Structure formats: structure tokens, C-alpha cells
């Protein structure tokens, strides 16, 4: 089994030099839900040489509707463990660093340490999300932040722009406020949708509150309606952005 055999079509597109650049890169994906799980797999299939997976949660039954890792047979398992196995089966040459951790100010040094080339923020909780973005900016570590995919139905409304130029997205508005308090500039690239989110259907099940996983930290979050497709599109767009940005490096 030869490494290049897996990536022959990628090498046709990137060229050998570009491929080796990706092979020498390490990307962190923080959050392995509906967005992060797809982003991580796209990076793996795209030829990224190393990945750091950060998530403190386990797989739960409602995850099956939108999370690539979630199966009826692995409910209760740690997401990072499932992701590690899956990525190894796709690309055994990839170095996978899986961290079952909650990202916050007290774990920043550990989870952002080492030689990272890019970070994908796929966190749902606002305080950890703002902390991750602000820490990446402070460390001059390239980051792309993924905003709200829940309640969205139109894939043509998904955009990449700087945080300061977003519109409609409620999560973007809240994140701007959090980052202003931290004196962080609004030029961070984000994936977001210009579509107004859809509310939960009145005939649907009542919204439940979720904790931040096996590490009970922060405020419980209300569950939100979601299609399987839109979070995946957000995650794939973020991974695509990272791959193209890494290919630009000399």
C-alpha cells in the first residue's frame, strides 16, 4: 500500500509540491459535531498529514441526524475515539492526535500547543468559541470560525466572509459582542448563512437542554432543529478553505 495511491487525484490537482505541503501540515478541529465531523474527514481525505481532534462529548441518539460519526451502534462512545478509528481506516498515514477535552481558558495552552498550522472552530458554546478565536488571534494562529448551521435549509445562502461583514446570523452578532469585549478585531474569517434560521416546528418534540458533554461545564444549551445536509456543507466549506490556504504557502 503506497501513500500516493490514495491521493493520486489530489496530486493531479495540487501537484506534488502542493501535496507535500499538505502532508507536512497539522490542523486542529475543535468540536466534532455536525460541522466538525465532516471537516475532519474532508481534511483526512484531502491529504492533510496531521490532525488534532478536540471534543469532550459522547455520541448520543439525536446526533445521528447530522453527525458523520454517529451510528446506532456507537451511542455512548467518545466522539474523539470514534473519529480516531474512522480516520485511521480512511488514511492510515495520517497522524491523529485525539483529545477528549473541554476547550476553555484553562485548557488553551495544552490544546493549542505544539506545531499547528490552522484551526477550525466548530464549537457550539459561545464562551469557549470566543476564547478559541481570541487565543488563535493572539497567537497569530490561522483560524476559520464556523457559525450557526441549525435551523438553516438553503445551501445557496452559505458564505465565507470576515466576521465584521456578516449579516442575519444571530450567532455572528453574539460572537462579535464577545470578541469586542476581548478587544479582538472583526477580520476573522467565518462560515455563515445569510438565511434567517427556522424555528422548531410546533408539532415536533419539545426542545431539550444539553450539557457540554462528559465534562459538565458551562450553561446547558437548548437543542435546535437541524437538517443533515447544512451542517455538513458548513464543515466541508471550512475544510476546503483550510486546504486552499495551506496550498498558498510557499
C-alpha atoms as a PDB file:
ATOM      1  CA  UNK A   1       0.000   0.000   0.000  1.00  0.00           C
ATOM      2  CA  UNK A   2       1.567   3.266  -1.180  1.00  0.00           C
ATOM      3  CA  UNK A   3       0.574   6.634   0.258  1.00  0.00           C
ATOM      4  CA  UNK A   4       0.397   8.320  -3.155  1.00  0.00           C
ATOM      5  CA  UNK A   5      -2.113   5.740  -4.374  1.00  0.00           C
ATOM      6  CA  UNK A   6      -4.714   7.199  -2.014  1.00  0.00           C
ATOM      7  CA  UNK A   7      -4.130  10.741  -3.211  1.00  0.00           C
ATOM      8  CA  UNK A   8      -3.425  10.412  -6.924  1.00  0.00           C
ATOM      9  CA  UNK A   9      -6.395  12.592  -7.871  1.00  0.00           C
ATOM     10  CA  UNK A  10      -5.385  15.202  -5.315  1.00  0.00           C
ATOM     11  CA  UNK A  11      -1.821  15.249  -6.681  1.00  0.00           C
ATOM     12  CA  UNK A  12      -3.287  15.789 -10.146  1.00  0.00           C
ATOM     13  CA  UNK A  13      -4.907  18.942  -8.787  1.00  0.00           C
ATOM     14  CA  UNK A  14      -2.339  20.254  -6.273  1.00  0.00           C
ATOM     15  CA  UNK A  15       0.842  18.988  -7.885  1.00  0.00           C
ATOM     16  CA  UNK A  16       3.414  17.019  -5.893  1.00  0.00           C
ATOM     17  CA  UNK A  17       4.824  20.103  -4.185  1.00  0.00           C
ATOM     18  CA  UNK A  18       1.388  21.195  -3.003  1.00  0.00           C
ATOM     19  CA  UNK A  19       0.586  17.690  -1.833  1.00  0.00           C
ATOM     20  CA  UNK A  20       3.780  17.522   0.218  1.00  0.00           C
ATOM     21  CA  UNK A  21       2.878  20.890   1.733  1.00  0.00           C
ATOM     22  CA  UNK A  22      -0.431  19.451   2.930  1.00  0.00           C
ATOM     23  CA  UNK A  23       1.292  16.305   4.155  1.00  0.00           C
ATOM     24  CA  UNK A  24       3.558  18.485   6.281  1.00  0.00           C
ATOM     25  CA  UNK A  25       0.649  20.418   7.819  1.00  0.00           C
ATOM     26  CA  UNK A  26      -1.256  19.827  11.047  1.00  0.00           C
ATOM     27  CA  UNK A  27      -4.777  21.170  11.538  1.00  0.00           C
ATOM     28  CA  UNK A  28      -6.827  21.240  14.739  1.00  0.00           C
ATOM     29  CA  UNK A  29     -10.574  20.666  14.548  1.00  0.00           C
ATOM     30  CA  UNK A  30     -12.209  21.805  17.775  1.00  0.00           C
ATOM     31  CA  UNK A  31     -15.697  20.355  18.057  1.00  0.00           C
ATOM     32  CA  UNK A  32     -16.725  17.106  16.340  1.00  0.00           C
ATOM     33  CA  UNK A  33     -20.452  17.630  15.887  1.00  0.00           C
ATOM     34  CA  UNK A  34     -22.385  18.054  12.666  1.00  0.00           C
ATOM     35  CA  UNK A  35     -19.839  20.571  11.350  1.00  0.00           C
ATOM     36  CA  UNK A  36     -16.539  19.375  12.774  1.00  0.00           C
ATOM     37  CA  UNK A  37     -17.002  15.698  11.939  1.00  0.00           C
ATOM     38  CA  UNK A  38     -17.357  16.463   8.226  1.00  0.00           C
ATOM     39  CA  UNK A  39     -14.499  18.976   8.313  1.00  0.00           C
ATOM     40  CA  UNK A  40     -12.163  16.436   9.907  1.00  0.00           C
ATOM     41  CA  UNK A  41     -12.944  13.745   7.361  1.00  0.00           C
ATOM     42  CA  UNK A  42     -12.507  16.142   4.428  1.00  0.00           C
ATOM     43  CA  UNK A  43      -9.077  17.150   5.741  1.00  0.00           C
ATOM     44  CA  UNK A  44      -8.153  13.486   6.058  1.00  0.00           C
ATOM     45  CA  UNK A  45      -9.264  12.660   2.529  1.00  0.00           C
ATOM     46  CA  UNK A  46      -7.629  15.849   1.231  1.00  0.00           C
ATOM     47  CA  UNK A  47      -4.148  14.794   2.270  1.00  0.00           C
ATOM     48  CA  UNK A  48      -3.512  16.772   5.461  1.00  0.00           C
ATOM     49  CA  UNK A  49      -0.687  14.974   7.252  1.00  0.00           C
ATOM     50  CA  UNK A  50      -1.688  15.575  10.854  1.00  0.00           C
ATOM     51  CA  UNK A  51      -4.898  16.416  12.697  1.00  0.00           C
ATOM     52  CA  UNK A  52      -5.712  17.273  16.293  1.00  0.00           C
ATOM     53  CA  UNK A  53      -9.248  16.388  17.291  1.00  0.00           C
ATOM     54  CA  UNK A  54     -10.716  18.148  20.323  1.00  0.00           C
ATOM     55  CA  UNK A  55     -14.120  17.303  21.779  1.00  0.00           C
ATOM     56  CA  UNK A  56     -15.373  16.416  25.260  1.00  0.00           C
ATOM     57  CA  UNK A  57     -18.652  14.838  24.207  1.00  0.00           C
ATOM     58  CA  UNK A  58     -20.007  11.344  23.650  1.00  0.00           C
ATOM     59  CA  UNK A  59     -22.268  10.232  20.822  1.00  0.00           C
ATOM     60  CA  UNK A  60     -25.978  10.482  21.672  1.00  0.00           C
ATOM     61  CA  UNK A  61     -29.071   9.294  19.754  1.00  0.00           C
ATOM     62  CA  UNK A  62     -30.073  12.788  18.460  1.00  0.00           C
ATOM     63  CA  UNK A  63     -26.612  13.118  16.867  1.00  0.00           C
ATOM     64  CA  UNK A  64     -27.459  10.507  14.223  1.00  0.00           C
ATOM     65  CA  UNK A  65     -29.483  13.024  12.197  1.00  0.00           C
ATOM     66  CA  UNK A  66     -26.477  15.224  11.329  1.00  0.00           C
ATOM     67  CA  UNK A  67     -23.132  13.978  12.670  1.00  0.00           C
ATOM     68  CA  UNK A  68     -20.908  11.898  10.411  1.00  0.00           C
ATOM     69  CA  UNK A  69     -19.501   9.901  13.321  1.00  0.00           C
ATOM     70  CA  UNK A  70     -22.851   8.983  14.897  1.00  0.00           C
ATOM     71  CA  UNK A  71     -24.250   5.500  14.343  1.00  0.00           C
ATOM     72  CA  UNK A  72     -26.897   3.499  16.133  1.00  0.00           C
ATOM     73  CA  UNK A  73     -24.104   1.102  17.121  1.00  0.00           C
ATOM     74  CA  UNK A  74     -21.741   3.579  18.792  1.00  0.00           C
ATOM     75  CA  UNK A  75     -24.053   5.633  21.014  1.00  0.00           C
ATOM     76  CA  UNK A  76     -22.247   6.350  24.284  1.00  0.00           C
ATOM     77  CA  UNK A  77     -18.731   6.263  22.829  1.00  0.00           C
ATOM     78  CA  UNK A  78     -16.397   9.256  22.955  1.00  0.00           C
ATOM     79  CA  UNK A  79     -16.511  11.194  19.704  1.00  0.00           C
ATOM     80  CA  UNK A  80     -12.735  11.537  19.564  1.00  0.00           C
ATOM     81  CA  UNK A  81     -12.294   7.758  19.852  1.00  0.00           C
ATOM     82  CA  UNK A  82     -14.768   7.093  17.049  1.00  0.00           C
ATOM     83  CA  UNK A  83     -13.136   9.777  14.901  1.00  0.00           C
ATOM     84  CA  UNK A  84      -9.649   8.375  15.509  1.00  0.00           C
ATOM     85  CA  UNK A  85     -10.688   4.928  14.333  1.00  0.00           C
ATOM     86  CA  UNK A  86     -12.575   6.229  11.325  1.00  0.00           C
ATOM     87  CA  UNK A  87      -9.759   8.466  10.090  1.00  0.00           C
ATOM     88  CA  UNK A  88      -7.218   5.663  10.530  1.00  0.00           C
ATOM     89  CA  UNK A  89      -9.360   3.419   8.338  1.00  0.00           C
ATOM     90  CA  UNK A  90      -9.525   6.125   5.656  1.00  0.00           C
ATOM     91  CA  UNK A  91      -5.875   7.162   5.712  1.00  0.00           C
ATOM     92  CA  UNK A  92      -3.502   5.085   7.883  1.00  0.00           C
ATOM     93  CA  UNK A  93      -0.673   7.516   7.080  1.00  0.00           C
ATOM     94  CA  UNK A  94      -2.336  10.436   8.868  1.00  0.00           C
ATOM     95  CA  UNK A  95      -1.138  11.310  12.373  1.00  0.00           C
ATOM     96  CA  UNK A  96      -4.211  11.660  14.578  1.00  0.00           C
ATOM     97  CA  UNK A  97      -3.945  13.378  17.958  1.00  0.00           C
ATOM     98  CA  UNK A  98      -7.310  12.866  19.688  1.00  0.00           C
ATOM     99  CA  UNK A  99      -8.041  14.887  22.852  1.00  0.00           C
ATOM    100  CA  UNK A 100     -11.149  14.140  24.915  1.00  0.00           C
ATOM    101  CA  UNK A 101     -11.068  17.602  26.483  1.00  0.00           C
ATOM    102  CA  UNK A 102     -13.271  20.640  27.029  1.00  0.00           C
ATOM    103  CA  UNK A 103     -11.805  23.723  25.361  1.00  0.00           C
ATOM    104  CA  UNK A 104     -11.730  26.746  27.657  1.00  0.00           C
ATOM    105  CA  UNK A 105      -9.237  29.230  29.082  1.00  0.00           C
ATOM    106  CA  UNK A 106      -7.761  26.616  31.423  1.00  0.00           C
ATOM    107  CA  UNK A 107      -7.042  24.100  28.629  1.00  0.00           C
ATOM    108  CA  UNK A 108      -5.889  26.565  25.967  1.00  0.00           C
ATOM    109  CA  UNK A 109      -2.165  26.033  26.416  1.00  0.00           C
ATOM    110  CA  UNK A 110      -2.498  22.269  26.172  1.00  0.00           C
ATOM    111  CA  UNK A 111      -4.926  22.148  23.261  1.00  0.00           C
ATOM    112  CA  UNK A 112      -3.326  24.860  21.099  1.00  0.00           C
ATOM    113  CA  UNK A 113       0.257  23.954  21.916  1.00  0.00           C
ATOM    114  CA  UNK A 114       2.722  22.375  19.520  1.00  0.00           C
ATOM    115  CA  UNK A 115       3.089  22.897  15.796  1.00  0.00           C
ATOM    116  CA  UNK A 116      -0.367  23.693  14.465  1.00  0.00           C
ATOM    117  CA  UNK A 117      -0.773  25.265  11.039  1.00  0.00           C
ATOM    118  CA  UNK A 118      -4.505  26.011  11.155  1.00  0.00           C
ATOM    119  CA  UNK A 119      -7.538  25.702  13.418  1.00  0.00           C
ATOM    120  CA  UNK A 120     -11.157  25.034  12.522  1.00  0.00           C
ATOM    121  CA  UNK A 121     -13.503  26.316  15.218  1.00  0.00           C
ATOM    122  CA  UNK A 122     -16.603  24.119  15.214  1.00  0.00           C
ATOM    123  CA  UNK A 123     -17.634  24.787  18.828  1.00  0.00           C
ATOM    124  CA  UNK A 124     -21.286  25.366  19.720  1.00  0.00           C
ATOM    125  CA  UNK A 125     -20.897  27.043  23.132  1.00  0.00           C
ATOM    126  CA  UNK A 126     -20.263  30.775  22.968  1.00  0.00           C
ATOM    127  CA  UNK A 127     -17.726  31.303  25.759  1.00  0.00           C
ATOM    128  CA  UNK A 128     -15.360  28.535  24.576  1.00  0.00           C
ATOM    129  CA  UNK A 129     -15.878  29.652  20.966  1.00  0.00           C
ATOM    130  CA  UNK A 130     -14.889  33.233  21.729  1.00  0.00           C
ATOM    131  CA  UNK A 131     -11.962  32.003  23.823  1.00  0.00           C
ATOM    132  CA  UNK A 132     -10.694  29.803  20.988  1.00  0.00           C
ATOM    133  CA  UNK A 133     -10.929  32.563  18.386  1.00  0.00           C
ATOM    134  CA  UNK A 134      -9.293  35.158  20.627  1.00  0.00           C
ATOM    135  CA  UNK A 135      -6.475  32.783  21.588  1.00  0.00           C
ATOM    136  CA  UNK A 136      -5.799  31.943  17.932  1.00  0.00           C
ATOM    137  CA  UNK A 137      -5.661  35.646  17.048  1.00  0.00           C
ATOM    138  CA  UNK A 138      -3.344  36.344  19.984  1.00  0.00           C
ATOM    139  CA  UNK A 139      -1.019  33.517  18.899  1.00  0.00           C
ATOM    140  CA  UNK A 140      -1.172  34.520  15.195  1.00  0.00           C
ATOM    141  CA  UNK A 141      -2.522  31.027  14.535  1.00  0.00           C
ATOM    142  CA  UNK A 142      -4.746  30.949  11.429  1.00  0.00           C
ATOM    143  CA  UNK A 143      -8.337  30.072  12.271  1.00  0.00           C
ATOM    144  CA  UNK A 144     -11.651  29.821  10.491  1.00  0.00           C
ATOM    145  CA  UNK A 145     -14.754  30.039  12.637  1.00  0.00           C
ATOM    146  CA  UNK A 146     -17.963  28.194  11.743  1.00  0.00           C
ATOM    147  CA  UNK A 147     -21.181  29.888  12.818  1.00  0.00           C
ATOM    148  CA  UNK A 148     -24.789  28.727  13.173  1.00  0.00           C
ATOM    149  CA  UNK A 149     -25.959  25.912  10.882  1.00  0.00           C
ATOM    150  CA  UNK A 150     -29.012  24.899  12.949  1.00  0.00           C
ATOM    151  CA  UNK A 151     -32.394  25.851  11.570  1.00  0.00           C
ATOM    152  CA  UNK A 152     -30.987  26.545   8.095  1.00  0.00           C
ATOM    153  CA  UNK A 153     -32.307  24.908   4.903  1.00  0.00           C
ATOM    154  CA  UNK A 154     -30.793  26.799   1.952  1.00  0.00           C
ATOM    155  CA  UNK A 155     -27.282  25.682   0.935  1.00  0.00           C
ATOM    156  CA  UNK A 156     -27.002  28.586  -1.518  1.00  0.00           C
ATOM    157  CA  UNK A 157     -27.065  31.049   1.383  1.00  0.00           C
ATOM    158  CA  UNK A 158     -23.824  29.737   2.926  1.00  0.00           C
ATOM    159  CA  UNK A 159     -20.918  32.198   2.688  1.00  0.00           C
ATOM    160  CA  UNK A 160     -17.341  32.822   3.768  1.00  0.00           C
ATOM    161  CA  UNK A 161     -16.562  36.354   4.894  1.00  0.00           C
ATOM    162  CA  UNK A 162     -14.915  38.225   7.731  1.00  0.00           C
ATOM    163  CA  UNK A 163     -16.890  38.286  10.963  1.00  0.00           C
ATOM    164  CA  UNK A 164     -17.383  42.040  10.699  1.00  0.00           C
ATOM    165  CA  UNK A 165     -19.148  41.725   7.345  1.00  0.00           C
ATOM    166  CA  UNK A 166     -21.712  39.089   8.302  1.00  0.00           C
ATOM    167  CA  UNK A 167     -25.435  39.735   8.348  1.00  0.00           C
ATOM    168  CA  UNK A 168     -28.576  37.936   9.578  1.00  0.00           C
ATOM    169  CA  UNK A 169     -26.723  35.236  11.578  1.00  0.00           C
ATOM    170  CA  UNK A 170     -27.620  35.591  15.294  1.00  0.00           C
ATOM    171  CA  UNK A 171     -24.528  33.652  16.374  1.00  0.00           C
ATOM    172  CA  UNK A 172     -22.292  36.070  14.442  1.00  0.00           C
ATOM    173  CA  UNK A 173     -23.883  39.013  16.216  1.00  0.00           C
ATOM    174  CA  UNK A 174     -23.289  37.431  19.624  1.00  0.00           C
ATOM    175  CA  UNK A 175     -19.721  36.406  18.788  1.00  0.00           C
ATOM    176  CA  UNK A 176     -18.898  39.962  17.704  1.00  0.00           C
ATOM    177  CA  UNK A 177     -20.016  41.214  21.097  1.00  0.00           C
ATOM    178  CA  UNK A 178     -17.916  38.640  22.926  1.00  0.00           C
ATOM    179  CA  UNK A 179     -14.841  39.406  20.834  1.00  0.00           C
ATOM    180  CA  UNK A 180     -15.219  43.171  21.204  1.00  0.00           C
ATOM    181  CA  UNK A 181     -15.068  42.667  24.944  1.00  0.00           C
ATOM    182  CA  UNK A 182     -11.789  40.835  24.377  1.00  0.00           C
ATOM    183  CA  UNK A 183     -10.585  43.597  22.003  1.00  0.00           C
ATOM    184  CA  UNK A 184     -10.300  41.160  19.078  1.00  0.00           C
ATOM    185  CA  UNK A 185     -10.575  42.555  15.529  1.00  0.00           C
ATOM    186  CA  UNK A 186     -13.557  41.535  13.406  1.00  0.00           C
ATOM    187  CA  UNK A 187     -11.477  40.320  10.430  1.00  0.00           C
ATOM    188  CA  UNK A 188     -11.572  36.631  11.424  1.00  0.00           C
ATOM    189  CA  UNK A 189     -12.863  34.509   8.500  1.00  0.00           C
ATOM    190  CA  UNK A 190     -16.164  32.773   9.204  1.00  0.00           C
ATOM    191  CA  UNK A 191     -18.527  30.337   7.520  1.00  0.00           C
ATOM    192  CA  UNK A 192     -22.106  31.510   7.976  1.00  0.00           C
ATOM    193  CA  UNK A 193     -25.513  31.686   6.304  1.00  0.00           C
ATOM    194  CA  UNK A 194     -27.481  34.744   5.265  1.00  0.00           C
ATOM    195  CA  UNK A 195     -30.697  32.744   5.723  1.00  0.00           C
ATOM    196  CA  UNK A 196     -32.865  33.528   8.723  1.00  0.00           C
ATOM    197  CA  UNK A 197     -32.984  30.391  10.901  1.00  0.00           C
ATOM    198  CA  UNK A 198     -36.185  28.349  11.025  1.00  0.00           C
ATOM    199  CA  UNK A 199     -37.834  27.868  14.419  1.00  0.00           C
ATOM    200  CA  UNK A 200     -38.712  24.451  15.792  1.00  0.00           C
ATOM    201  CA  UNK A 201     -41.912  23.024  14.326  1.00  0.00           C
ATOM    202  CA  UNK A 202     -44.823  23.321  16.788  1.00  0.00           C
ATOM    203  CA  UNK A 203     -45.744  19.670  16.208  1.00  0.00           C
ATOM    204  CA  UNK A 204     -42.211  18.467  16.872  1.00  0.00           C
ATOM    205  CA  UNK A 205     -40.844  17.111  20.156  1.00  0.00           C
ATOM    206  CA  UNK A 206     -40.148  19.647  22.914  1.00  0.00           C
ATOM    207  CA  UNK A 207     -36.672  21.186  22.891  1.00  0.00           C
ATOM    208  CA  UNK A 208     -34.303  19.594  25.386  1.00  0.00           C
ATOM    209  CA  UNK A 209     -31.305  21.088  27.107  1.00  0.00           C
ATOM    210  CA  UNK A 210     -27.890  19.592  26.503  1.00  0.00           C
ATOM    211  CA  UNK A 211     -24.736  19.849  28.578  1.00  0.00           C
ATOM    212  CA  UNK A 212     -21.285  20.254  27.074  1.00  0.00           C
ATOM    213  CA  UNK A 213     -20.680  16.515  27.107  1.00  0.00           C
ATOM    214  CA  UNK A 214     -18.978  14.289  29.654  1.00  0.00           C
ATOM    215  CA  UNK A 215     -17.252  17.364  31.064  1.00  0.00           C
ATOM    216  CA  UNK A 216     -20.175  19.221  32.637  1.00  0.00           C
ATOM    217  CA  UNK A 217     -19.100  22.801  32.068  1.00  0.00           C
ATOM    218  CA  UNK A 218     -20.953  25.986  31.315  1.00  0.00           C
ATOM    219  CA  UNK A 219     -24.647  26.540  30.775  1.00  0.00           C
ATOM    220  CA  UNK A 220     -26.900  23.818  29.276  1.00  0.00           C
ATOM    221  CA  UNK A 221     -27.842  24.600  25.669  1.00  0.00           C
ATOM    222  CA  UNK A 222     -31.303  24.216  24.154  1.00  0.00           C
ATOM    223  CA  UNK A 223     -31.441  21.691  21.315  1.00  0.00           C
ATOM    224  CA  UNK A 224     -32.151  23.225  17.893  1.00  0.00           C
ATOM    225  CA  UNK A 225     -33.746  21.858  14.697  1.00  0.00           C
ATOM    226  CA  UNK A 226     -31.343  20.718  12.003  1.00  0.00           C
ATOM    227  CA  UNK A 227     -31.141  19.118   8.582  1.00  0.00           C
ATOM    228  CA  UNK A 228     -28.364  16.576   7.979  1.00  0.00           C
ATOM    229  CA  UNK A 229     -27.104  18.491   4.944  1.00  0.00           C
ATOM    230  CA  UNK A 230     -26.445  22.070   6.077  1.00  0.00           C
ATOM    231  CA  UNK A 231     -24.012  21.385   8.962  1.00  0.00           C
ATOM    232  CA  UNK A 232     -22.108  19.075   6.609  1.00  0.00           C
ATOM    233  CA  UNK A 233     -21.878  21.835   3.996  1.00  0.00           C
ATOM    234  CA  UNK A 234     -20.580  24.272   6.615  1.00  0.00           C
ATOM    235  CA  UNK A 235     -17.911  21.782   7.661  1.00  0.00           C
ATOM    236  CA  UNK A 236     -16.860  20.930   4.117  1.00  0.00           C
ATOM    237  CA  UNK A 237     -16.572  24.622   3.218  1.00  0.00           C
ATOM    238  CA  UNK A 238     -14.357  25.221   6.257  1.00  0.00           C
ATOM    239  CA  UNK A 239     -12.105  22.281   5.327  1.00  0.00           C
ATOM    240  CA  UNK A 240     -11.938  23.451   1.715  1.00  0.00           C
ATOM    241  CA  UNK A 241     -10.875  26.927   2.884  1.00  0.00           C
ATOM    242  CA  UNK A 242      -8.102  25.488   5.059  1.00  0.00           C
ATOM    243  CA  UNK A 243      -6.757  23.253   2.296  1.00  0.00           C
ATOM    244  CA  UNK A 244      -6.626  26.114  -0.208  1.00  0.00           C
ATOM    245  CA  UNK A 245      -4.996  28.479   2.303  1.00  0.00           C
ATOM    246  CA  UNK A 246      -2.308  25.921   3.124  1.00  0.00           C
ATOM    247  CA  UNK A 247      -1.627  25.373  -0.570  1.00  0.00           C
ATOM    248  CA  UNK A 248      -0.903  29.104  -0.962  1.00  0.00           C
ATOM    249  CA  UNK A 249       2.045  28.896   1.419  1.00  0.00           C
ATOM    250  CA  UNK A 250       5.499  28.815  -0.118  1.00  0.00           C
END
